[in-house]
Amino acid sequence: MNKLQQEIKDFHEQLKPTLGKVLEKYNESNTPKIYNNVIKPCKSLIQKCSFKSTLDASRLCSLAYWLYIYEYKQLALEICELTHGVDFVYEYWCSGIINMCGLEIRIARELLGEKRNNIPPKFLDYYFSKRIKKSIRYPQILRKEEIFDCSDGSLEYILLSALYDMIGKGETGLYTELNENWEIIEKAITEYINLLK
């Protein structure tokens, strides 16, 4: 086994106990929505989770957000903290892992009263890239037009994507325009979470 394979295996082994706790909180008799958003991805990640896999990284980020939405904040925080020091490569940032920084900042403030600044320096280039700065604007970040125009089938995806931006990027405090409109954004976050529950 080479060094990379060993690192992937070690990360997976560290993650498994938290995933086990998630499955203990839920059971097969829950709603199809909870099964699809929490149980199914959790079972997949217990089987395999490579930080070099876009699909695995996306599942991990999504699971952390769904746990936060369903108010299992401590478990969501554990997942976020387990990603510290893991070398998610640049091309995998699109998987959502980068949005876990903001989620961790938010949960640490809500649960522990801590003010964390856990943004790895290597992520700053991403946060300040022209493409991201252009997409993370107020009021566009609320995605009101997309929500208004969407079908019922895509509403969940749009709301979750909006939370990735509002929490994942907005909680970093890196965007002045978002900071200036945070009270309105905070109300939208609460509204979107309630719609997703």
N, C-alpha and C. Protein backbone atom coordinates (compact mmCIF):
# COMPACT_ATOMS: atom_id res chain seq x y z
N MET A 1 0.85 -1.17 0.00
CA MET A 1 0.00 0.00 0.00
C MET A 1 0.90 1.24 0.00
N ASN A 2 0.65 2.14 -0.97
CA ASN A 2 1.48 3.34 -1.02
C ASN A 2 0.99 4.38 -0.01
N LYS A 3 1.74 5.49 0.09
CA LYS A 3 1.45 6.52 1.10
C LYS A 3 0.05 7.12 0.92
N LEU A 4 -0.32 7.45 -0.32
CA LEU A 4 -1.63 8.05 -0.58
C LEU A 4 -2.75 7.09 -0.18
N GLN A 5 -2.63 5.82 -0.56
CA GLN A 5 -3.64 4.83 -0.20
C GLN A 5 -3.78 4.72 1.32
N GLN A 6 -2.64 4.78 2.03
CA GLN A 6 -2.66 4.70 3.49
C GLN A 6 -3.35 5.93 4.08
N GLU A 7 -3.09 7.13 3.53
CA GLU A 7 -3.72 8.35 4.02
C GLU A 7 -5.24 8.30 3.82
N ILE A 8 -5.66 7.80 2.65
CA ILE A 8 -7.09 7.67 2.37
C ILE A 8 -7.73 6.69 3.35
N LYS A 9 -7.05 5.56 3.58
CA LYS A 9 -7.56 4.56 4.52
C LYS A 9 -7.64 5.13 5.94
N ASP A 10 -6.63 5.88 6.35
CA ASP A 10 -6.62 6.47 7.69
C ASP A 10 -7.76 7.48 7.86
N PHE A 11 -7.98 8.31 6.84
CA PHE A 11 -9.07 9.28 6.88
C PHE A 11 -10.41 8.56 7.01
N HIS A 12 -10.59 7.50 6.23
CA HIS A 12 -11.84 6.74 6.26
C HIS A 12 -12.05 6.11 7.64
N GLU A 13 -11.00 5.58 8.21
CA GLU A 13 -11.10 4.97 9.54
C GLU A 13 -11.46 6.00 10.61
N GLN A 14 -10.95 7.23 10.48
CA GLN A 14 -11.29 8.29 11.43
C GLN A 14 -12.74 8.71 11.29
N LEU A 15 -13.25 8.65 10.06
CA LEU A 15 -14.60 9.09 9.76
C LEU A 15 -15.67 8.08 10.19
N LYS A 16 -15.35 6.80 10.13
CA LYS A 16 -16.33 5.74 10.39
C LYS A 16 -17.07 5.86 11.73
N PRO A 17 -16.39 6.15 12.86
CA PRO A 17 -17.14 6.24 14.12
C PRO A 17 -18.21 7.33 14.11
N THR A 18 -17.92 8.46 13.48
CA THR A 18 -18.92 9.54 13.39
C THR A 18 -20.08 9.10 12.52
N LEU A 19 -19.77 8.44 11.41
CA LEU A 19 -20.84 7.94 10.54
C LEU A 19 -21.69 6.91 11.27
N GLY A 20 -21.06 6.09 12.09
CA GLY A 20 -21.80 5.12 12.91
C GLY A 20 -22.76 5.82 13.86
N LYS A 21 -22.31 6.93 14.46
CA LYS A 21 -23.18 7.70 15.36
C LYS A 21 -24.38 8.26 14.60
N VAL A 22 -24.13 8.70 13.36
CA VAL A 22 -25.23 9.23 12.54
C VAL A 22 -26.27 8.14 12.33
N LEU A 23 -25.84 6.95 11.96
CA LEU A 23 -26.78 5.86 11.71
C LEU A 23 -27.52 5.45 12.97
N GLU A 24 -26.88 5.59 14.14
CA GLU A 24 -27.56 5.30 15.41
C GLU A 24 -28.72 6.26 15.66
N LYS A 25 -28.59 7.50 15.21
CA LYS A 25 -29.62 8.52 15.42
C LYS A 25 -30.84 8.29 14.53
N TYR A 26 -30.61 7.65 13.41
CA TYR A 26 -31.69 7.43 12.45
C TYR A 26 -31.92 5.93 12.31
N ASN A 27 -33.09 5.57 11.85
CA ASN A 27 -33.32 4.16 11.56
C ASN A 27 -34.04 4.05 10.23
N GLU A 28 -34.15 2.86 9.73
CA GLU A 28 -34.71 2.61 8.39
C GLU A 28 -36.16 3.08 8.25
N SER A 29 -36.86 3.24 9.36
CA SER A 29 -38.28 3.59 9.27
C SER A 29 -38.52 5.09 9.07
N ASN A 30 -37.47 5.89 8.99
CA ASN A 30 -37.65 7.32 8.77
C ASN A 30 -38.21 7.59 7.39
N THR A 31 -38.54 8.81 7.14
CA THR A 31 -39.14 9.21 5.87
C THR A 31 -38.18 8.97 4.71
N PRO A 32 -38.70 8.85 3.49
CA PRO A 32 -37.83 8.69 2.33
C PRO A 32 -36.84 9.85 2.19
N LYS A 33 -37.27 11.03 2.57
CA LYS A 33 -36.39 12.20 2.49
C LYS A 33 -35.17 12.03 3.40
N ILE A 34 -35.40 11.62 4.64
CA ILE A 34 -34.28 11.40 5.57
C ILE A 34 -33.42 10.24 5.10
N TYR A 35 -34.07 9.20 4.58
CA TYR A 35 -33.30 8.08 4.07
C TYR A 35 -32.36 8.53 2.94
N ASN A 36 -32.89 9.29 1.98
CA ASN A 36 -32.09 9.73 0.84
C ASN A 36 -31.03 10.75 1.20
N ASN A 37 -31.32 11.63 2.16
CA ASN A 37 -30.39 12.71 2.48
C ASN A 37 -29.38 12.38 3.58
N VAL A 38 -29.70 11.41 4.42
CA VAL A 38 -28.81 11.10 5.54
C VAL A 38 -28.37 9.64 5.54
N ILE A 39 -29.32 8.72 5.61
CA ILE A 39 -28.98 7.30 5.79
C ILE A 39 -28.22 6.74 4.59
N LYS A 40 -28.75 6.93 3.41
CA LYS A 40 -28.13 6.37 2.20
C LYS A 40 -26.70 6.89 1.98
N PRO A 41 -26.47 8.23 2.02
CA PRO A 41 -25.09 8.69 1.84
C PRO A 41 -24.17 8.23 2.97
N CYS A 42 -24.72 8.14 4.18
CA CYS A 42 -23.92 7.69 5.31
C CYS A 42 -23.46 6.24 5.11
N LYS A 43 -24.37 5.39 4.67
CA LYS A 43 -24.01 3.99 4.41
C LYS A 43 -22.97 3.88 3.30
N SER A 44 -23.11 4.71 2.27
CA SER A 44 -22.12 4.70 1.18
C SER A 44 -20.75 5.14 1.69
N LEU A 45 -20.73 6.17 2.53
CA LEU A 45 -19.46 6.68 3.05
C LEU A 45 -18.81 5.72 4.03
N ILE A 46 -19.61 4.93 4.75
CA ILE A 46 -19.03 3.92 5.63
C ILE A 46 -18.31 2.86 4.80
N GLN A 47 -18.89 2.53 3.64
CA GLN A 47 -18.26 1.54 2.76
C GLN A 47 -16.97 2.08 2.15
N LYS A 48 -17.01 3.36 1.73
CA LYS A 48 -15.85 3.94 1.05
C LYS A 48 -15.93 5.45 1.13
N CYS A 49 -14.81 6.08 1.49
CA CYS A 49 -14.74 7.53 1.44
C CYS A 49 -13.30 7.94 1.16
N SER A 50 -13.07 8.36 -0.06
CA SER A 50 -11.75 8.83 -0.47
C SER A 50 -11.79 10.33 -0.65
N PHE A 51 -10.82 11.03 -0.06
CA PHE A 51 -10.78 12.48 -0.24
C PHE A 51 -10.27 12.86 -1.62
N LYS A 52 -10.01 11.88 -2.46
CA LYS A 52 -9.64 12.14 -3.86
C LYS A 52 -10.81 11.87 -4.80
N SER A 53 -11.96 11.51 -4.26
CA SER A 53 -13.15 11.22 -5.06
C SER A 53 -14.14 12.39 -4.97
N THR A 54 -14.49 12.95 -6.11
CA THR A 54 -15.46 14.04 -6.13
C THR A 54 -16.79 13.60 -5.55
N LEU A 55 -17.25 12.41 -5.89
CA LEU A 55 -18.53 11.91 -5.39
C LEU A 55 -18.50 11.74 -3.88
N ASP A 56 -17.45 11.14 -3.36
CA ASP A 56 -17.36 10.95 -1.90
C ASP A 56 -17.30 12.29 -1.17
N ALA A 57 -16.51 13.22 -1.70
CA ALA A 57 -16.38 14.53 -1.07
C ALA A 57 -17.72 15.27 -1.10
N SER A 58 -18.45 15.15 -2.21
CA SER A 58 -19.78 15.78 -2.31
C SER A 58 -20.75 15.18 -1.30
N ARG A 59 -20.73 13.86 -1.18
CA ARG A 59 -21.61 13.18 -0.21
C ARG A 59 -21.29 13.63 1.22
N LEU A 60 -20.01 13.75 1.51
CA LEU A 60 -19.59 14.13 2.86
C LEU A 60 -20.07 15.54 3.20
N CYS A 61 -19.89 16.48 2.27
CA CYS A 61 -20.34 17.85 2.49
C CYS A 61 -21.86 17.90 2.62
N SER A 62 -22.55 17.23 1.73
CA SER A 62 -24.02 17.20 1.76
C SER A 62 -24.51 16.62 3.08
N LEU A 63 -23.89 15.53 3.53
CA LEU A 63 -24.29 14.90 4.79
C LEU A 63 -24.13 15.88 5.95
N ALA A 64 -23.01 16.60 5.99
CA ALA A 64 -22.79 17.56 7.07
C ALA A 64 -23.88 18.64 7.07
N TYR A 65 -24.24 19.13 5.89
CA TYR A 65 -25.30 20.14 5.81
C TYR A 65 -26.66 19.58 6.22
N TRP A 66 -26.97 18.36 5.78
CA TRP A 66 -28.27 17.78 6.16
C TRP A 66 -28.33 17.53 7.66
N LEU A 67 -27.22 17.12 8.26
CA LEU A 67 -27.22 16.94 9.71
C LEU A 67 -27.46 18.28 10.41
N TYR A 68 -26.87 19.33 9.88
CA TYR A 68 -27.12 20.66 10.44
C TYR A 68 -28.59 21.05 10.28
N ILE A 69 -29.14 20.81 9.11
CA ILE A 69 -30.54 21.15 8.83
C ILE A 69 -31.47 20.39 9.79
N TYR A 70 -31.17 19.11 10.04
CA TYR A 70 -32.01 18.30 10.92
C TYR A 70 -31.62 18.45 12.40
N GLU A 71 -30.79 19.43 12.68
CA GLU A 71 -30.40 19.82 14.04
C GLU A 71 -29.55 18.80 14.78
N TYR A 72 -28.76 18.03 14.04
CA TYR A 72 -27.73 17.20 14.65
C TYR A 72 -26.40 17.93 14.45
N LYS A 73 -26.33 19.09 15.09
CA LYS A 73 -25.22 20.01 14.86
C LYS A 73 -23.88 19.44 15.34
N GLN A 74 -23.88 18.74 16.46
CA GLN A 74 -22.62 18.19 16.97
C GLN A 74 -22.02 17.19 15.98
N LEU A 75 -22.87 16.34 15.39
CA LEU A 75 -22.37 15.38 14.41
C LEU A 75 -21.88 16.09 13.15
N ALA A 76 -22.59 17.13 12.73
CA ALA A 76 -22.14 17.91 11.57
C ALA A 76 -20.79 18.55 11.86
N LEU A 77 -20.62 19.07 13.07
CA LEU A 77 -19.35 19.69 13.46
C LEU A 77 -18.22 18.66 13.45
N GLU A 78 -18.49 17.47 13.95
CA GLU A 78 -17.47 16.41 13.95
C GLU A 78 -17.00 16.11 12.53
N ILE A 79 -17.93 16.02 11.60
CA ILE A 79 -17.57 15.76 10.21
C ILE A 79 -16.71 16.90 9.66
N CYS A 80 -17.12 18.13 9.92
CA CYS A 80 -16.33 19.28 9.46
C CYS A 80 -14.91 19.23 10.03
N GLU A 81 -14.80 18.96 11.30
CA GLU A 81 -13.48 18.94 11.95
C GLU A 81 -12.60 17.82 11.44
N LEU A 82 -13.20 16.71 11.03
CA LEU A 82 -12.40 15.61 10.50
C LEU A 82 -11.73 15.94 9.16
N THR A 83 -12.21 16.96 8.49
CA THR A 83 -11.62 17.33 7.20
C THR A 83 -10.39 18.22 7.35
N HIS A 84 -10.10 18.67 8.59
CA HIS A 84 -8.91 19.50 8.80
C HIS A 84 -7.66 18.74 8.39
N GLY A 85 -6.82 19.39 7.67
CA GLY A 85 -5.54 18.80 7.31
C GLY A 85 -5.62 17.76 6.21
N VAL A 86 -6.80 17.49 5.70
CA VAL A 86 -6.95 16.52 4.62
C VAL A 86 -6.71 17.26 3.31
N ASP A 87 -5.94 16.67 2.45
CA ASP A 87 -5.51 17.34 1.22
C ASP A 87 -6.52 17.13 0.09
N PHE A 88 -7.67 17.80 0.22
CA PHE A 88 -8.62 17.80 -0.88
C PHE A 88 -8.01 18.65 -1.99
N VAL A 89 -7.75 18.05 -3.11
CA VAL A 89 -7.03 18.72 -4.20
C VAL A 89 -7.92 19.78 -4.84
N TYR A 90 -7.32 20.81 -5.43
CA TYR A 90 -8.04 21.96 -5.99
C TYR A 90 -9.20 21.55 -6.87
N GLU A 91 -8.97 20.60 -7.78
CA GLU A 91 -10.06 20.26 -8.70
C GLU A 91 -11.26 19.63 -7.99
N TYR A 92 -11.08 19.21 -6.76
CA TYR A 92 -12.19 18.62 -6.01
C TYR A 92 -12.93 19.65 -5.17
N TRP A 93 -12.47 20.91 -5.17
CA TRP A 93 -13.16 21.92 -4.38
C TRP A 93 -14.59 22.12 -4.86
N CYS A 94 -14.82 21.85 -6.13
CA CYS A 94 -16.17 22.01 -6.66
C CYS A 94 -17.13 21.01 -6.00
N SER A 95 -16.59 20.05 -5.29
CA SER A 95 -17.41 19.04 -4.64
C SER A 95 -18.14 19.58 -3.42
N GLY A 96 -17.81 20.77 -2.98
CA GLY A 96 -18.50 21.35 -1.84
C GLY A 96 -17.71 21.31 -0.55
N ILE A 97 -16.60 20.56 -0.51
CA ILE A 97 -15.81 20.46 0.71
C ILE A 97 -15.45 21.84 1.23
N ILE A 98 -15.15 22.74 0.33
CA ILE A 98 -14.74 24.08 0.76
C ILE A 98 -15.87 24.78 1.53
N ASN A 99 -17.11 24.40 1.26
CA ASN A 99 -18.25 25.00 1.96
C ASN A 99 -18.39 24.51 3.40
N MET A 100 -17.60 23.53 3.77
CA MET A 100 -17.65 23.03 5.14
C MET A 100 -16.95 23.97 6.11
N CYS A 101 -16.05 24.82 5.60
CA CYS A 101 -15.39 25.80 6.47
C CYS A 101 -16.42 26.73 7.09
N GLY A 102 -17.28 27.30 6.26
CA GLY A 102 -18.32 28.20 6.75
C GLY A 102 -19.30 27.50 7.67
N LEU A 103 -19.64 26.25 7.34
CA LEU A 103 -20.56 25.49 8.19
C LEU A 103 -19.94 25.28 9.57
N GLU A 104 -18.67 24.95 9.60
CA GLU A 104 -17.99 24.75 10.89
C GLU A 104 -17.97 26.05 11.70
N ILE A 105 -17.69 27.17 11.04
CA ILE A 105 -17.69 28.48 11.72
C ILE A 105 -19.05 28.74 12.35
N ARG A 106 -20.11 28.47 11.60
CA ARG A 106 -21.48 28.71 12.08
C ARG A 106 -21.83 27.81 13.27
N ILE A 107 -21.55 26.52 13.13
CA ILE A 107 -21.91 25.59 14.20
C ILE A 107 -21.09 25.87 15.46
N ALA A 108 -19.81 26.18 15.32
CA ALA A 108 -18.97 26.48 16.49
C ALA A 108 -19.51 27.70 17.24
N ARG A 109 -20.00 28.67 16.50
CA ARG A 109 -20.58 29.87 17.13
C ARG A 109 -21.89 29.51 17.83
N GLU A 110 -22.76 28.75 17.14
CA GLU A 110 -24.07 28.42 17.70
C GLU A 110 -23.99 27.45 18.88
N LEU A 111 -23.16 26.43 18.76
CA LEU A 111 -23.10 25.39 19.80
C LEU A 111 -22.14 25.72 20.93
N LEU A 112 -20.99 26.26 20.58
CA LEU A 112 -19.91 26.41 21.55
C LEU A 112 -19.63 27.86 21.92
N GLY A 113 -20.25 28.80 21.21
CA GLY A 113 -19.97 30.20 21.45
C GLY A 113 -18.57 30.61 21.03
N GLU A 114 -17.97 29.82 20.15
CA GLU A 114 -16.60 30.08 19.69
C GLU A 114 -16.61 30.87 18.39
N LYS A 115 -15.62 31.71 18.25
CA LYS A 115 -15.43 32.42 16.99
C LYS A 115 -14.23 31.76 16.31
N ARG A 116 -14.52 30.91 15.35
CA ARG A 116 -13.45 30.19 14.65
C ARG A 116 -13.12 30.89 13.34
N ASN A 117 -11.86 30.78 12.98
CA ASN A 117 -11.40 31.25 11.68
C ASN A 117 -10.55 30.12 11.11
N ASN A 118 -11.23 29.09 10.65
CA ASN A 118 -10.57 27.85 10.26
C ASN A 118 -10.34 27.74 8.75
N ILE A 119 -10.23 28.87 8.07
CA ILE A 119 -10.08 28.82 6.62
C ILE A 119 -8.62 28.55 6.27
N PRO A 120 -8.36 27.40 5.66
CA PRO A 120 -6.98 27.10 5.26
C PRO A 120 -6.49 28.15 4.25
N PRO A 121 -5.27 28.65 4.42
CA PRO A 121 -4.74 29.68 3.50
C PRO A 121 -4.83 29.27 2.03
N LYS A 122 -4.69 27.98 1.74
CA LYS A 122 -4.74 27.54 0.34
C LYS A 122 -6.13 27.73 -0.28
N PHE A 123 -7.18 27.88 0.56
CA PHE A 123 -8.53 28.09 0.05
C PHE A 123 -8.79 29.55 -0.35
N LEU A 124 -7.97 30.47 0.16
CA LEU A 124 -8.22 31.89 -0.07
C LEU A 124 -8.21 32.24 -1.56
N ASP A 125 -7.33 31.62 -2.33
CA ASP A 125 -7.32 31.87 -3.77
C ASP A 125 -8.67 31.54 -4.39
N TYR A 126 -9.27 30.45 -3.93
CA TYR A 126 -10.60 30.06 -4.41
C TYR A 126 -11.64 31.10 -4.01
N TYR A 127 -11.67 31.45 -2.74
CA TYR A 127 -12.67 32.40 -2.24
C TYR A 127 -12.59 33.75 -2.95
N PHE A 128 -11.38 34.16 -3.31
CA PHE A 128 -11.21 35.46 -3.95
C PHE A 128 -11.07 35.40 -5.46
N SER A 129 -11.30 34.23 -6.04
CA SER A 129 -11.24 34.13 -7.50
C SER A 129 -12.37 34.95 -8.12
N LYS A 130 -12.15 35.47 -9.29
CA LYS A 130 -13.15 36.32 -9.96
C LYS A 130 -14.48 35.58 -10.12
N ARG A 131 -14.42 34.31 -10.49
CA ARG A 131 -15.65 33.54 -10.71
C ARG A 131 -16.48 33.44 -9.43
N ILE A 132 -15.84 33.18 -8.32
CA ILE A 132 -16.56 33.05 -7.05
C ILE A 132 -17.05 34.41 -6.57
N LYS A 133 -16.19 35.40 -6.60
CA LYS A 133 -16.60 36.74 -6.15
C LYS A 133 -17.79 37.25 -6.96
N LYS A 134 -17.82 36.92 -8.24
CA LYS A 134 -18.92 37.35 -9.10
C LYS A 134 -20.22 36.63 -8.73
N SER A 135 -20.12 35.36 -8.35
CA SER A 135 -21.33 34.59 -8.04
C SER A 135 -21.83 34.82 -6.61
N ILE A 136 -20.97 35.28 -5.73
CA ILE A 136 -21.34 35.48 -4.33
C ILE A 136 -21.63 36.96 -4.12
N ARG A 137 -22.75 37.39 -4.61
CA ARG A 137 -23.17 38.79 -4.52
C ARG A 137 -24.54 38.85 -3.85
N TYR A 138 -24.83 39.99 -3.27
CA TYR A 138 -26.16 40.21 -2.70
C TYR A 138 -26.92 41.10 -3.67
N PRO A 139 -28.16 40.79 -4.01
CA PRO A 139 -29.08 39.78 -3.46
C PRO A 139 -29.06 38.45 -4.22
N GLN A 140 -28.19 38.30 -5.23
CA GLN A 140 -28.17 37.07 -6.03
C GLN A 140 -27.96 35.82 -5.19
N ILE A 141 -27.23 35.95 -4.09
CA ILE A 141 -26.94 34.80 -3.25
C ILE A 141 -28.21 34.16 -2.69
N LEU A 142 -29.29 34.93 -2.60
CA LEU A 142 -30.56 34.41 -2.08
C LEU A 142 -31.25 33.50 -3.09
N ARG A 143 -30.89 33.62 -4.36
CA ARG A 143 -31.44 32.80 -5.45
C ARG A 143 -32.96 32.87 -5.54
N LYS A 144 -33.53 34.01 -5.26
CA LYS A 144 -34.98 34.17 -5.27
C LYS A 144 -35.59 33.86 -6.64
N GLU A 145 -34.94 34.32 -7.71
CA GLU A 145 -35.48 34.06 -9.06
C GLU A 145 -35.47 32.57 -9.37
N GLU A 146 -34.36 31.90 -9.04
CA GLU A 146 -34.28 30.45 -9.28
C GLU A 146 -35.36 29.71 -8.50
N ILE A 147 -35.55 30.11 -7.26
CA ILE A 147 -36.56 29.46 -6.42
C ILE A 147 -37.96 29.69 -6.99
N PHE A 148 -38.23 30.90 -7.42
CA PHE A 148 -39.53 31.24 -7.98
C PHE A 148 -39.80 30.45 -9.26
N ASP A 149 -38.78 30.28 -10.11
CA ASP A 149 -38.94 29.63 -11.40
C ASP A 149 -38.80 28.10 -11.38
N CYS A 150 -38.40 27.53 -10.25
CA CYS A 150 -38.09 26.10 -10.24
C CYS A 150 -39.34 25.24 -10.14
N SER A 151 -39.15 24.00 -10.53
CA SER A 151 -40.21 23.00 -10.33
C SER A 151 -40.03 22.40 -8.94
N ASP A 152 -41.06 21.71 -8.46
CA ASP A 152 -40.96 21.10 -7.14
C ASP A 152 -39.77 20.15 -7.04
N GLY A 153 -39.47 19.47 -8.14
CA GLY A 153 -38.38 18.49 -8.14
C GLY A 153 -37.00 19.09 -7.94
N SER A 154 -36.82 20.34 -8.30
CA SER A 154 -35.49 20.95 -8.18
C SER A 154 -35.38 21.92 -7.01
N LEU A 155 -36.48 22.15 -6.28
CA LEU A 155 -36.46 23.11 -5.19
C LEU A 155 -35.44 22.73 -4.11
N GLU A 156 -35.42 21.47 -3.72
CA GLU A 156 -34.49 21.03 -2.67
C GLU A 156 -33.04 21.31 -3.08
N TYR A 157 -32.69 21.00 -4.31
CA TYR A 157 -31.33 21.23 -4.81
C TYR A 157 -30.97 22.72 -4.77
N ILE A 158 -31.88 23.57 -5.22
CA ILE A 158 -31.62 25.02 -5.25
C ILE A 158 -31.47 25.58 -3.84
N LEU A 159 -32.34 25.16 -2.93
CA LEU A 159 -32.25 25.63 -1.54
C LEU A 159 -30.93 25.19 -0.89
N LEU A 160 -30.55 23.93 -1.11
CA LEU A 160 -29.30 23.44 -0.53
C LEU A 160 -28.10 24.17 -1.14
N SER A 161 -28.13 24.40 -2.45
CA SER A 161 -27.04 25.14 -3.10
C SER A 161 -26.95 26.56 -2.56
N ALA A 162 -28.10 27.18 -2.31
CA ALA A 162 -28.10 28.52 -1.73
C ALA A 162 -27.49 28.50 -0.33
N LEU A 163 -27.79 27.46 0.45
CA LEU A 163 -27.19 27.35 1.79
C LEU A 163 -25.69 27.15 1.70
N TYR A 164 -25.22 26.39 0.71
CA TYR A 164 -23.78 26.24 0.51
C TYR A 164 -23.13 27.61 0.35
N ASP A 165 -23.78 28.48 -0.42
CA ASP A 165 -23.20 29.81 -0.65
C ASP A 165 -23.37 30.71 0.57
N MET A 166 -24.59 30.75 1.12
CA MET A 166 -24.83 31.67 2.23
C MET A 166 -24.06 31.27 3.49
N ILE A 167 -24.07 29.99 3.81
CA ILE A 167 -23.35 29.53 5.00
C ILE A 167 -21.89 29.25 4.66
N GLY A 168 -21.69 28.44 3.65
CA GLY A 168 -20.33 27.99 3.30
C GLY A 168 -19.38 29.11 2.96
N LYS A 169 -19.87 30.10 2.26
CA LYS A 169 -19.01 31.22 1.88
C LYS A 169 -19.31 32.46 2.72
N GLY A 170 -20.59 32.71 2.99
CA GLY A 170 -20.97 33.90 3.75
C GLY A 170 -20.46 33.92 5.17
N GLU A 171 -20.44 32.77 5.84
CA GLU A 171 -19.99 32.70 7.23
C GLU A 171 -18.49 32.96 7.37
N THR A 172 -17.76 32.93 6.28
CA THR A 172 -16.32 33.19 6.37
C THR A 172 -16.03 34.65 6.71
N GLY A 173 -17.00 35.54 6.41
CA GLY A 173 -16.79 36.96 6.67
C GLY A 173 -15.88 37.63 5.65
N LEU A 174 -15.58 36.93 4.55
CA LEU A 174 -14.63 37.44 3.56
C LEU A 174 -15.25 38.39 2.54
N TYR A 175 -16.58 38.49 2.51
CA TYR A 175 -17.25 39.26 1.47
C TYR A 175 -18.00 40.44 2.11
N THR A 176 -17.48 41.64 1.89
CA THR A 176 -18.04 42.85 2.50
C THR A 176 -19.51 43.02 2.18
N GLU A 177 -19.88 42.79 0.94
CA GLU A 177 -21.28 42.97 0.52
C GLU A 177 -22.22 42.04 1.28
N LEU A 178 -21.77 40.82 1.54
CA LEU A 178 -22.59 39.89 2.31
C LEU A 178 -22.65 40.30 3.78
N ASN A 179 -21.51 40.73 4.31
CA ASN A 179 -21.47 41.17 5.71
C ASN A 179 -22.45 42.32 5.94
N GLU A 180 -22.51 43.24 4.98
CA GLU A 180 -23.39 44.40 5.11
C GLU A 180 -24.87 44.03 5.06
N ASN A 181 -25.19 42.90 4.45
CA ASN A 181 -26.58 42.46 4.31
C ASN A 181 -26.86 41.18 5.10
N TRP A 182 -26.05 40.93 6.11
CA TRP A 182 -26.11 39.64 6.80
C TRP A 182 -27.45 39.40 7.49
N GLU A 183 -28.06 40.41 8.01
CA GLU A 183 -29.34 40.23 8.71
C GLU A 183 -30.40 39.63 7.77
N ILE A 184 -30.45 40.11 6.55
CA ILE A 184 -31.40 39.60 5.56
C ILE A 184 -31.01 38.18 5.14
N ILE A 185 -29.71 37.97 4.95
CA ILE A 185 -29.21 36.64 4.57
C ILE A 185 -29.53 35.64 5.68
N GLU A 186 -29.35 36.05 6.92
CA GLU A 186 -29.63 35.16 8.06
C GLU A 186 -31.10 34.75 8.07
N LYS A 187 -31.99 35.66 7.77
CA LYS A 187 -33.42 35.33 7.71
C LYS A 187 -33.69 34.33 6.59
N ALA A 188 -33.02 34.51 5.45
CA ALA A 188 -33.18 33.57 4.33
C ALA A 188 -32.65 32.18 4.71
N ILE A 189 -31.54 32.13 5.42
CA ILE A 189 -30.98 30.84 5.86
C ILE A 189 -32.02 30.10 6.70
N THR A 190 -32.61 30.78 7.66
CA THR A 190 -33.63 30.17 8.52
C THR A 190 -34.82 29.70 7.70
N GLU A 191 -35.25 30.53 6.78
CA GLU A 191 -36.40 30.19 5.93
C GLU A 191 -36.10 28.95 5.07
N TYR A 192 -34.92 28.90 4.47
CA TYR A 192 -34.57 27.79 3.60
C TYR A 192 -34.43 26.48 4.38
N ILE A 193 -33.85 26.59 5.58
CA ILE A 193 -33.71 25.39 6.43
C ILE A 193 -35.10 24.85 6.79
N ASN A 194 -36.00 25.73 7.13
CA ASN A 194 -37.36 25.29 7.48
C ASN A 194 -38.05 24.65 6.28
N LEU A 195 -37.83 25.15 5.09
CA LEU A 195 -38.41 24.55 3.89
C LEU A 195 -37.82 23.16 3.60
N LEU A 196 -36.55 22.97 3.94
CA LEU A 196 -35.88 21.70 3.67
C LEU A 196 -36.20 20.62 4.70
N LYS A 197 -36.63 20.98 5.87
CA LYS A 197 -36.89 19.98 6.93
C LYS A 197 -38.05 19.07 6.55
